[in-house]
């Protein structure tokens, strides 16, 4: 609301000054990348200050961690560790994806399959599956099979339940339209239901990958000291805390980049309306 003034002259509009907060808000809204960079910069600055205080003798500074990360990357130890970690992760996610999407579609289409299978996966998703990972060693030892099972245990329930909900909540108007045009049940499934449910199914695969990543890291920490879990365990045991934090940061970085790439693919291919919006 504008105020007016009539002192020694004609009436003039007096505009309220624009505050710094409003200007910064508009800047961050129009430049989201700048907002993220500022947020990360503040986080790294606080990390550096906390490491220099220090808040703990086992808490390195950000610069020390960054140097350790670069050293481990250049000497190849980080690359070799991820070569060992990604093998069970990829195998486990492929198995979980094929089985999970298939089961989810069947459960979404069949009430009997839903009645038989859905309660099992609801319990599995709610249960603390990480606590069950050490039990795998009693049956399958400490090899590759145990780590693959750890990935499947955490990823499969997420993928199954997302696929099931996606198919069950397919657009009923599209299904009714297909039925009105004398479409067969097979055409309803392949032409309407699965394409309409595919964005949510893919989102379930993305969430399953995140859960599987947690599973393989827990397996390497609890079952067998290999891969990136071995780097964390080893550097912790010899008190190389900068290297230990660098390995942990690499996990966050790899998972973030992977999920961001999958989300970009989902928006570009499966949900182009979100890109336009």
C-alpha atoms as a PDB file:
ATOM      1  CA  UNK A   1       0.000   0.000   0.000  1.00  0.00           C
ATOM      2  CA  UNK A   2       1.520   3.341  -1.052  1.00  0.00           C
ATOM      3  CA  UNK A   3       1.708   6.337   1.260  1.00  0.00           C
ATOM      4  CA  UNK A   4       1.388   9.894  -0.011  1.00  0.00           C
ATOM      5  CA  UNK A   5       3.077  13.180   0.953  1.00  0.00           C
ATOM      6  CA  UNK A   6       1.980  16.795   0.331  1.00  0.00           C
ATOM      7  CA  UNK A   7       4.730  18.777   2.032  1.00  0.00           C
ATOM      8  CA  UNK A   8       5.819  21.917   0.079  1.00  0.00           C
ATOM      9  CA  UNK A   9       4.642  20.603  -3.250  1.00  0.00           C
ATOM     10  CA  UNK A  10       2.337  18.345  -5.147  1.00  0.00           C
ATOM     11  CA  UNK A  11       1.272  14.966  -3.926  1.00  0.00           C
ATOM     12  CA  UNK A  12       3.978  12.330  -4.407  1.00  0.00           C
ATOM     13  CA  UNK A  13       3.877   8.628  -3.898  1.00  0.00           C
ATOM     14  CA  UNK A  14       6.270   7.259  -1.300  1.00  0.00           C
ATOM     15  CA  UNK A  15       7.238   3.618  -1.991  1.00  0.00           C
ATOM     16  CA  UNK A  16       8.388   1.447   0.889  1.00  0.00           C
ATOM     17  CA  UNK A  17      12.042   0.386   0.575  1.00  0.00           C
ATOM     18  CA  UNK A  18      12.751  -3.109  -0.625  1.00  0.00           C
ATOM     19  CA  UNK A  19      14.469  -5.092   2.135  1.00  0.00           C
ATOM     20  CA  UNK A  20      17.563  -7.230   1.770  1.00  0.00           C
ATOM     21  CA  UNK A  21      15.579 -10.296   2.781  1.00  0.00           C
ATOM     22  CA  UNK A  22      13.121  -9.862  -0.085  1.00  0.00           C
ATOM     23  CA  UNK A  23      15.937  -9.297  -2.575  1.00  0.00           C
ATOM     24  CA  UNK A  24      17.848 -12.372  -1.417  1.00  0.00           C
ATOM     25  CA  UNK A  25      14.653 -14.420  -1.462  1.00  0.00           C
ATOM     26  CA  UNK A  26      14.018 -13.479  -5.075  1.00  0.00           C
ATOM     27  CA  UNK A  27      17.640 -14.179  -5.978  1.00  0.00           C
ATOM     28  CA  UNK A  28      17.598 -17.671  -4.442  1.00  0.00           C
ATOM     29  CA  UNK A  29      14.195 -18.449  -5.976  1.00  0.00           C
ATOM     30  CA  UNK A  30      15.343 -17.512  -9.451  1.00  0.00           C
ATOM     31  CA  UNK A  31      18.747 -19.208  -9.055  1.00  0.00           C
ATOM     32  CA  UNK A  32      18.247 -22.563  -7.252  1.00  0.00           C
ATOM     33  CA  UNK A  33      21.774 -23.707  -8.114  1.00  0.00           C
ATOM     34  CA  UNK A  34      23.172 -20.657  -6.339  1.00  0.00           C
ATOM     35  CA  UNK A  35      21.052 -21.505  -3.311  1.00  0.00           C
ATOM     36  CA  UNK A  36      22.473 -25.022  -3.167  1.00  0.00           C
ATOM     37  CA  UNK A  37      26.032 -23.772  -3.571  1.00  0.00           C
ATOM     38  CA  UNK A  38      25.594 -21.258  -0.755  1.00  0.00           C
ATOM     39  CA  UNK A  39      24.067 -23.946   1.461  1.00  0.00           C
ATOM     40  CA  UNK A  40      26.942 -26.348   0.769  1.00  0.00           C
ATOM     41  CA  UNK A  41      29.479 -23.585   1.300  1.00  0.00           C
ATOM     42  CA  UNK A  42      28.037 -22.767   4.716  1.00  0.00           C
ATOM     43  CA  UNK A  43      28.001 -26.453   5.649  1.00  0.00           C
ATOM     44  CA  UNK A  44      31.656 -26.904   4.651  1.00  0.00           C
ATOM     45  CA  UNK A  45      32.619 -23.732   6.520  1.00  0.00           C
ATOM     46  CA  UNK A  46      30.922 -24.970   9.708  1.00  0.00           C
ATOM     47  CA  UNK A  47      32.623 -28.356   9.221  1.00  0.00           C
ATOM     48  CA  UNK A  48      36.032 -26.669   8.900  1.00  0.00           C
ATOM     49  CA  UNK A  49      35.471 -24.558  12.007  1.00  0.00           C
ATOM     50  CA  UNK A  50      34.238 -27.571  14.001  1.00  0.00           C
ATOM     51  CA  UNK A  51      37.309 -29.551  12.960  1.00  0.00           C
ATOM     52  CA  UNK A  52      39.675 -26.753  13.974  1.00  0.00           C
ATOM     53  CA  UNK A  53      38.087 -26.149  17.398  1.00  0.00           C
ATOM     54  CA  UNK A  54      38.097 -29.282  17.579  1.00  0.00           C
ATOM     55  CA  UNK A  55      34.850 -30.793  18.785  1.00  0.00           C
ATOM     56  CA  UNK A  56      36.577 -34.206  18.914  1.00  0.00           C
ATOM     57  CA  UNK A  57      40.068 -35.541  18.239  1.00  0.00           C
ATOM     58  CA  UNK A  58      38.436 -38.006  15.804  1.00  0.00           C
ATOM     59  CA  UNK A  59      36.704 -35.257  13.798  1.00  0.00           C
ATOM     60  CA  UNK A  60      38.943 -33.974  10.950  1.00  0.00           C
ATOM     61  CA  UNK A  61      38.597 -30.642   9.212  1.00  0.00           C
ATOM     62  CA  UNK A  62      36.891 -30.357   5.841  1.00  0.00           C
ATOM     63  CA  UNK A  63      40.176 -29.530   4.089  1.00  0.00           C
ATOM     64  CA  UNK A  64      41.905 -32.585   5.583  1.00  0.00           C
ATOM     65  CA  UNK A  65      39.006 -34.768   4.475  1.00  0.00           C
ATOM     66  CA  UNK A  66      39.062 -33.254   0.997  1.00  0.00           C
ATOM     67  CA  UNK A  67      42.805 -33.897   0.726  1.00  0.00           C
ATOM     68  CA  UNK A  68      42.338 -37.498   1.884  1.00  0.00           C
ATOM     69  CA  UNK A  69      39.536 -37.973  -0.654  1.00  0.00           C
ATOM     70  CA  UNK A  70      41.728 -36.692  -3.487  1.00  0.00           C
ATOM     71  CA  UNK A  71      44.640 -38.895  -2.360  1.00  0.00           C
ATOM     72  CA  UNK A  72      42.492 -42.031  -2.199  1.00  0.00           C
ATOM     73  CA  UNK A  73      41.017 -41.226  -5.587  1.00  0.00           C
ATOM     74  CA  UNK A  74      44.419 -40.708  -7.220  1.00  0.00           C
ATOM     75  CA  UNK A  75      46.088 -43.794  -5.739  1.00  0.00           C
ATOM     76  CA  UNK A  76      43.188 -45.972  -6.944  1.00  0.00           C
ATOM     77  CA  UNK A  77      42.115 -47.351  -3.575  1.00  0.00           C
ATOM     78  CA  UNK A  78      38.706 -45.678  -3.792  1.00  0.00           C
ATOM     79  CA  UNK A  79      38.108 -46.941  -7.330  1.00  0.00           C
ATOM     80  CA  UNK A  80      39.075 -50.509  -6.408  1.00  0.00           C
ATOM     81  CA  UNK A  81      36.817 -50.392  -3.355  1.00  0.00           C
ATOM     82  CA  UNK A  82      33.817 -49.325  -5.407  1.00  0.00           C
ATOM     83  CA  UNK A  83      34.586 -52.010  -7.979  1.00  0.00           C
ATOM     84  CA  UNK A  84      34.035 -54.541  -5.215  1.00  0.00           C
ATOM     85  CA  UNK A  85      31.006 -52.749  -3.751  1.00  0.00           C
ATOM     86  CA  UNK A  86      29.113 -52.177  -6.999  1.00  0.00           C
ATOM     87  CA  UNK A  87      29.192 -55.833  -8.083  1.00  0.00           C
ATOM     88  CA  UNK A  88      26.745 -57.185  -5.454  1.00  0.00           C
ATOM     89  CA  UNK A  89      24.776 -53.937  -5.612  1.00  0.00           C
ATOM     90  CA  UNK A  90      24.129 -54.204  -9.348  1.00  0.00           C
ATOM     91  CA  UNK A  91      23.307 -57.920  -9.188  1.00  0.00           C
ATOM     92  CA  UNK A  92      20.997 -57.429  -6.218  1.00  0.00           C
ATOM     93  CA  UNK A  93      19.190 -54.459  -7.805  1.00  0.00           C
ATOM     94  CA  UNK A  94      18.671 -56.347 -11.083  1.00  0.00           C
ATOM     95  CA  UNK A  95      17.191 -59.315  -9.205  1.00  0.00           C
ATOM     96  CA  UNK A  96      15.054 -57.030  -7.035  1.00  0.00           C
ATOM     97  CA  UNK A  97      13.907 -55.015 -10.039  1.00  0.00           C
ATOM     98  CA  UNK A  98      12.836 -57.985 -12.141  1.00  0.00           C
ATOM     99  CA  UNK A  99      11.164 -59.871  -9.286  1.00  0.00           C
ATOM    100  CA  UNK A 100       9.798 -56.776  -7.561  1.00  0.00           C
ATOM    101  CA  UNK A 101       8.217 -55.147 -10.602  1.00  0.00           C
ATOM    102  CA  UNK A 102       6.725 -58.481 -11.675  1.00  0.00           C
ATOM    103  CA  UNK A 103       5.258 -59.187  -8.244  1.00  0.00           C
ATOM    104  CA  UNK A 104       4.003 -55.622  -7.898  1.00  0.00           C
ATOM    105  CA  UNK A 105       2.144 -55.789 -11.211  1.00  0.00           C
ATOM    106  CA  UNK A 106       0.623 -59.175 -10.362  1.00  0.00           C
ATOM    107  CA  UNK A 107      -0.469 -57.940  -6.928  1.00  0.00           C
ATOM    108  CA  UNK A 108      -1.981 -54.812  -8.433  1.00  0.00           C
ATOM    109  CA  UNK A 109      -3.968 -56.799 -10.970  1.00  0.00           C
ATOM    110  CA  UNK A 110      -5.072 -59.715  -8.788  1.00  0.00           C
ATOM    111  CA  UNK A 111      -6.893 -59.452  -5.470  1.00  0.00           C
ATOM    112  CA  UNK A 112      -5.876 -63.004  -4.581  1.00  0.00           C
ATOM    113  CA  UNK A 113      -2.190 -62.257  -5.147  1.00  0.00           C
ATOM    114  CA  UNK A 114      -2.565 -59.089  -3.089  1.00  0.00           C
ATOM    115  CA  UNK A 115      -4.170 -61.029  -0.240  1.00  0.00           C
ATOM    116  CA  UNK A 116      -1.403 -63.653  -0.275  1.00  0.00           C
ATOM    117  CA  UNK A 117       1.718 -61.551  -0.855  1.00  0.00           C
ATOM    118  CA  UNK A 118       1.093 -57.939   0.218  1.00  0.00           C
ATOM    119  CA  UNK A 119       1.110 -58.563   4.015  1.00  0.00           C
ATOM    120  CA  UNK A 120       4.498 -60.280   3.745  1.00  0.00           C
ATOM    121  CA  UNK A 121       6.176 -57.333   2.040  1.00  0.00           C
ATOM    122  CA  UNK A 122       4.475 -54.811   4.311  1.00  0.00           C
ATOM    123  CA  UNK A 123       6.006 -56.633   7.279  1.00  0.00           C
ATOM    124  CA  UNK A 124       9.397 -56.827   5.547  1.00  0.00           C
ATOM    125  CA  UNK A 125       9.382 -53.100   4.840  1.00  0.00           C
ATOM    126  CA  UNK A 126       8.419 -52.271   8.414  1.00  0.00           C
ATOM    127  CA  UNK A 127      10.835 -54.694  10.067  1.00  0.00           C
ATOM    128  CA  UNK A 128      14.412 -53.632  10.954  1.00  0.00           C
ATOM    129  CA  UNK A 129      15.985 -55.657   8.145  1.00  0.00           C
ATOM    130  CA  UNK A 130      19.459 -54.313   8.917  1.00  0.00           C
ATOM    131  CA  UNK A 131      19.390 -56.258  12.181  1.00  0.00           C
ATOM    132  CA  UNK A 132      18.809 -59.466  10.212  1.00  0.00           C
ATOM    133  CA  UNK A 133      21.811 -59.014   7.921  1.00  0.00           C
ATOM    134  CA  UNK A 134      24.313 -60.727  10.295  1.00  0.00           C
ATOM    135  CA  UNK A 135      22.061 -63.794  10.313  1.00  0.00           C
ATOM    136  CA  UNK A 136      22.813 -64.291   6.614  1.00  0.00           C
ATOM    137  CA  UNK A 137      26.367 -65.280   7.471  1.00  0.00           C
ATOM    138  CA  UNK A 138      25.136 -68.337   9.361  1.00  0.00           C
ATOM    139  CA  UNK A 139      23.572 -69.685   6.168  1.00  0.00           C
ATOM    140  CA  UNK A 140      25.571 -68.261   3.265  1.00  0.00           C
ATOM    141  CA  UNK A 141      28.922 -67.364   4.824  1.00  0.00           C
ATOM    142  CA  UNK A 142      30.722 -64.118   4.052  1.00  0.00           C
ATOM    143  CA  UNK A 143      30.934 -64.258   0.271  1.00  0.00           C
ATOM    144  CA  UNK A 144      29.244 -62.508  -2.623  1.00  0.00           C
ATOM    145  CA  UNK A 145      25.937 -64.323  -2.107  1.00  0.00           C
ATOM    146  CA  UNK A 146      25.501 -62.875   1.374  1.00  0.00           C
ATOM    147  CA  UNK A 147      26.000 -59.319   0.134  1.00  0.00           C
ATOM    148  CA  UNK A 148      23.563 -59.825  -2.762  1.00  0.00           C
ATOM    149  CA  UNK A 149      20.951 -61.122  -0.326  1.00  0.00           C
ATOM    150  CA  UNK A 150      21.499 -58.077   1.896  1.00  0.00           C
ATOM    151  CA  UNK A 151      20.755 -55.818  -1.074  1.00  0.00           C
ATOM    152  CA  UNK A 152      17.655 -57.818  -2.025  1.00  0.00           C
ATOM    153  CA  UNK A 153      16.336 -57.827   1.551  1.00  0.00           C
ATOM    154  CA  UNK A 154      16.290 -54.033   1.687  1.00  0.00           C
ATOM    155  CA  UNK A 155      15.426 -53.202  -1.929  1.00  0.00           C
ATOM    156  CA  UNK A 156      12.786 -55.791  -2.831  1.00  0.00           C
ATOM    157  CA  UNK A 157       9.976 -54.709  -0.439  1.00  0.00           C
ATOM    158  CA  UNK A 158      10.261 -51.081  -1.594  1.00  0.00           C
ATOM    159  CA  UNK A 159      10.072 -52.004  -5.284  1.00  0.00           C
ATOM    160  CA  UNK A 160       7.228 -54.498  -4.829  1.00  0.00           C
ATOM    161  CA  UNK A 161       4.996 -52.169  -2.806  1.00  0.00           C
ATOM    162  CA  UNK A 162       5.556 -49.188  -5.106  1.00  0.00           C
ATOM    163  CA  UNK A 163       4.760 -51.290  -8.166  1.00  0.00           C
ATOM    164  CA  UNK A 164       1.663 -52.705  -6.486  1.00  0.00           C
ATOM    165  CA  UNK A 165       0.344 -49.265  -5.495  1.00  0.00           C
ATOM    166  CA  UNK A 166       1.111 -47.844  -8.947  1.00  0.00           C
ATOM    167  CA  UNK A 167      -0.854 -50.543 -10.774  1.00  0.00           C
ATOM    168  CA  UNK A 168      -3.720 -50.562  -8.279  1.00  0.00           C
ATOM    169  CA  UNK A 169      -4.111 -46.754  -8.553  1.00  0.00           C
ATOM    170  CA  UNK A 170      -3.946 -46.568 -12.358  1.00  0.00           C
ATOM    171  CA  UNK A 171      -6.297 -43.979 -13.835  1.00  0.00           C
ATOM    172  CA  UNK A 172      -9.761 -45.596 -13.805  1.00  0.00           C
ATOM    173  CA  UNK A 173     -11.034 -43.228 -16.500  1.00  0.00           C
ATOM    174  CA  UNK A 174      -8.436 -44.516 -18.957  1.00  0.00           C
ATOM    175  CA  UNK A 175      -9.298 -48.108 -18.097  1.00  0.00           C
ATOM    176  CA  UNK A 176     -13.020 -47.390 -18.587  1.00  0.00           C
ATOM    177  CA  UNK A 177     -12.292 -45.712 -21.919  1.00  0.00           C
ATOM    178  CA  UNK A 178     -10.334 -48.753 -23.105  1.00  0.00           C
ATOM    179  CA  UNK A 179     -13.177 -51.000 -22.010  1.00  0.00           C
ATOM    180  CA  UNK A 180     -15.740 -48.842 -23.833  1.00  0.00           C
ATOM    181  CA  UNK A 181     -13.754 -49.243 -27.038  1.00  0.00           C
ATOM    182  CA  UNK A 182     -13.945 -53.035 -26.651  1.00  0.00           C
ATOM    183  CA  UNK A 183     -10.342 -53.349 -25.521  1.00  0.00           C
ATOM    184  CA  UNK A 184      -9.324 -56.760 -24.229  1.00  0.00           C
ATOM    185  CA  UNK A 185      -7.946 -57.322 -20.738  1.00  0.00           C
ATOM    186  CA  UNK A 186      -4.456 -57.780 -22.192  1.00  0.00           C
ATOM    187  CA  UNK A 187      -4.756 -54.453 -24.023  1.00  0.00           C
ATOM    188  CA  UNK A 188      -5.941 -52.755 -20.842  1.00  0.00           C
ATOM    189  CA  UNK A 189      -2.847 -53.998 -19.025  1.00  0.00           C
ATOM    190  CA  UNK A 190      -0.243 -53.348 -21.729  1.00  0.00           C
ATOM    191  CA  UNK A 191      -1.681 -50.171 -23.273  1.00  0.00           C
ATOM    192  CA  UNK A 192      -3.226 -48.403 -20.286  1.00  0.00           C
ATOM    193  CA  UNK A 193      -2.372 -49.709 -16.826  1.00  0.00           C
ATOM    194  CA  UNK A 194       1.387 -50.350 -17.096  1.00  0.00           C
ATOM    195  CA  UNK A 195       2.185 -47.139 -19.073  1.00  0.00           C
ATOM    196  CA  UNK A 196       0.124 -45.083 -16.610  1.00  0.00           C
ATOM    197  CA  UNK A 197       1.861 -46.745 -13.646  1.00  0.00           C
ATOM    198  CA  UNK A 198       5.386 -46.622 -15.093  1.00  0.00           C
ATOM    199  CA  UNK A 199       6.452 -43.300 -13.458  1.00  0.00           C
ATOM    200  CA  UNK A 200       5.627 -44.591  -9.965  1.00  0.00           C
ATOM    201  CA  UNK A 201       7.184 -47.977 -10.755  1.00  0.00           C
ATOM    202  CA  UNK A 202      10.387 -46.229 -11.816  1.00  0.00           C
ATOM    203  CA  UNK A 203      10.290 -44.099  -8.658  1.00  0.00           C
ATOM    204  CA  UNK A 204      10.074 -47.357  -6.704  1.00  0.00           C
ATOM    205  CA  UNK A 205      13.155 -48.642  -8.528  1.00  0.00           C
ATOM    206  CA  UNK A 206      14.971 -45.452  -7.597  1.00  0.00           C
ATOM    207  CA  UNK A 207      14.016 -45.826  -3.940  1.00  0.00           C
ATOM    208  CA  UNK A 208      14.937 -49.506  -4.107  1.00  0.00           C
ATOM    209  CA  UNK A 209      18.389 -48.581  -5.374  1.00  0.00           C
ATOM    210  CA  UNK A 210      18.859 -46.242  -2.399  1.00  0.00           C
ATOM    211  CA  UNK A 211      17.779 -49.003  -0.009  1.00  0.00           C
ATOM    212  CA  UNK A 212      20.034 -51.520  -1.772  1.00  0.00           C
ATOM    213  CA  UNK A 213      22.988 -49.167  -1.413  1.00  0.00           C
ATOM    214  CA  UNK A 214      22.364 -49.100   2.323  1.00  0.00           C
ATOM    215  CA  UNK A 215      22.158 -52.886   2.318  1.00  0.00           C
ATOM    216  CA  UNK A 216      25.485 -53.449   0.571  1.00  0.00           C
ATOM    217  CA  UNK A 217      27.294 -50.966   2.843  1.00  0.00           C
ATOM    218  CA  UNK A 218      25.834 -52.623   5.943  1.00  0.00           C
ATOM    219  CA  UNK A 219      26.853 -56.016   4.572  1.00  0.00           C
ATOM    220  CA  UNK A 220      30.427 -54.846   4.089  1.00  0.00           C
ATOM    221  CA  UNK A 221      30.524 -53.385   7.585  1.00  0.00           C
ATOM    222  CA  UNK A 222      28.852 -56.319   9.341  1.00  0.00           C
ATOM    223  CA  UNK A 223      29.484 -59.412   7.209  1.00  0.00           C
ATOM    224  CA  UNK A 224      32.734 -59.211   5.288  1.00  0.00           C
ATOM    225  CA  UNK A 225      35.361 -56.440   5.227  1.00  0.00           C
ATOM    226  CA  UNK A 226      35.488 -55.732   1.493  1.00  0.00           C
ATOM    227  CA  UNK A 227      34.875 -52.762  -0.757  1.00  0.00           C
ATOM    228  CA  UNK A 228      34.134 -49.332   0.608  1.00  0.00           C
ATOM    229  CA  UNK A 229      33.086 -50.826   3.948  1.00  0.00           C
ATOM    230  CA  UNK A 230      36.580 -52.250   4.315  1.00  0.00           C
ATOM    231  CA  UNK A 231      38.091 -48.798   3.750  1.00  0.00           C
ATOM    232  CA  UNK A 232      35.933 -47.345   6.515  1.00  0.00           C
ATOM    233  CA  UNK A 233      36.740 -50.181   8.925  1.00  0.00           C
ATOM    234  CA  UNK A 234      40.470 -50.161   8.198  1.00  0.00           C
ATOM    235  CA  UNK A 235      41.018 -46.411   8.489  1.00  0.00           C
ATOM    236  CA  UNK A 236      38.970 -46.309  11.676  1.00  0.00           C
ATOM    237  CA  UNK A 237      41.097 -49.085  13.199  1.00  0.00           C
ATOM    238  CA  UNK A 238      44.362 -47.250  12.441  1.00  0.00           C
ATOM    239  CA  UNK A 239      42.956 -43.841  13.461  1.00  0.00           C
ATOM    240  CA  UNK A 240      43.176 -42.320   9.963  1.00  0.00           C
ATOM    241  CA  UNK A 241      40.012 -40.350  10.549  1.00  0.00           C
ATOM    242  CA  UNK A 242      40.363 -38.046   7.552  1.00  0.00           C
ATOM    243  CA  UNK A 243      40.482 -41.079   5.250  1.00  0.00           C
ATOM    244  CA  UNK A 244      37.575 -42.675   7.102  1.00  0.00           C
ATOM    245  CA  UNK A 245      35.422 -39.555   6.676  1.00  0.00           C
ATOM    246  CA  UNK A 246      36.508 -39.315   3.033  1.00  0.00           C
ATOM    247  CA  UNK A 247      35.202 -42.846   2.428  1.00  0.00           C
ATOM    248  CA  UNK A 248      31.906 -41.969   4.109  1.00  0.00           C
ATOM    249  CA  UNK A 249      31.604 -38.776   2.064  1.00  0.00           C
ATOM    250  CA  UNK A 250      32.266 -40.751  -1.121  1.00  0.00           C
ATOM    251  CA  UNK A 251      29.255 -42.967  -0.316  1.00  0.00           C
ATOM    252  CA  UNK A 252      27.024 -39.909   0.039  1.00  0.00           C
ATOM    253  CA  UNK A 253      28.445 -38.404  -3.143  1.00  0.00           C
ATOM    254  CA  UNK A 254      28.039 -41.550  -5.260  1.00  0.00           C
ATOM    255  CA  UNK A 255      24.503 -42.249  -4.036  1.00  0.00           C
ATOM    256  CA  UNK A 256      23.451 -38.615  -4.519  1.00  0.00           C
ATOM    257  CA  UNK A 257      24.816 -38.423  -8.061  1.00  0.00           C
ATOM    258  CA  UNK A 258      23.250 -41.770  -9.000  1.00  0.00           C
ATOM    259  CA  UNK A 259      19.817 -40.893  -7.647  1.00  0.00           C
ATOM    260  CA  UNK A 260      19.958 -37.424  -9.209  1.00  0.00           C
ATOM    261  CA  UNK A 261      20.768 -38.943 -12.604  1.00  0.00           C
ATOM    262  CA  UNK A 262      17.893 -41.426 -12.272  1.00  0.00           C
ATOM    263  CA  UNK A 263      15.522 -38.655 -11.231  1.00  0.00           C
ATOM    264  CA  UNK A 264      16.566 -36.556 -14.242  1.00  0.00           C
ATOM    265  CA  UNK A 265      15.959 -39.563 -16.513  1.00  0.00           C
ATOM    266  CA  UNK A 266      12.551 -40.104 -14.933  1.00  0.00           C
ATOM    267  CA  UNK A 267      11.520 -36.478 -15.474  1.00  0.00           C
ATOM    268  CA  UNK A 268      12.839 -36.377 -19.040  1.00  0.00           C
ATOM    269  CA  UNK A 269      11.405 -39.699 -20.233  1.00  0.00           C
ATOM    270  CA  UNK A 270       8.500 -40.701 -17.990  1.00  0.00           C
ATOM    271  CA  UNK A 271       7.234 -37.377 -16.656  1.00  0.00           C
ATOM    272  CA  UNK A 272       7.863 -34.685 -19.273  1.00  0.00           C
ATOM    273  CA  UNK A 273       5.006 -32.592 -17.835  1.00  0.00           C
ATOM    274  CA  UNK A 274       7.103 -32.039 -14.680  1.00  0.00           C
ATOM    275  CA  UNK A 275       9.945 -30.732 -16.822  1.00  0.00           C
ATOM    276  CA  UNK A 276       7.634 -28.255 -18.542  1.00  0.00           C
ATOM    277  CA  UNK A 277       6.190 -27.218 -15.208  1.00  0.00           C
END
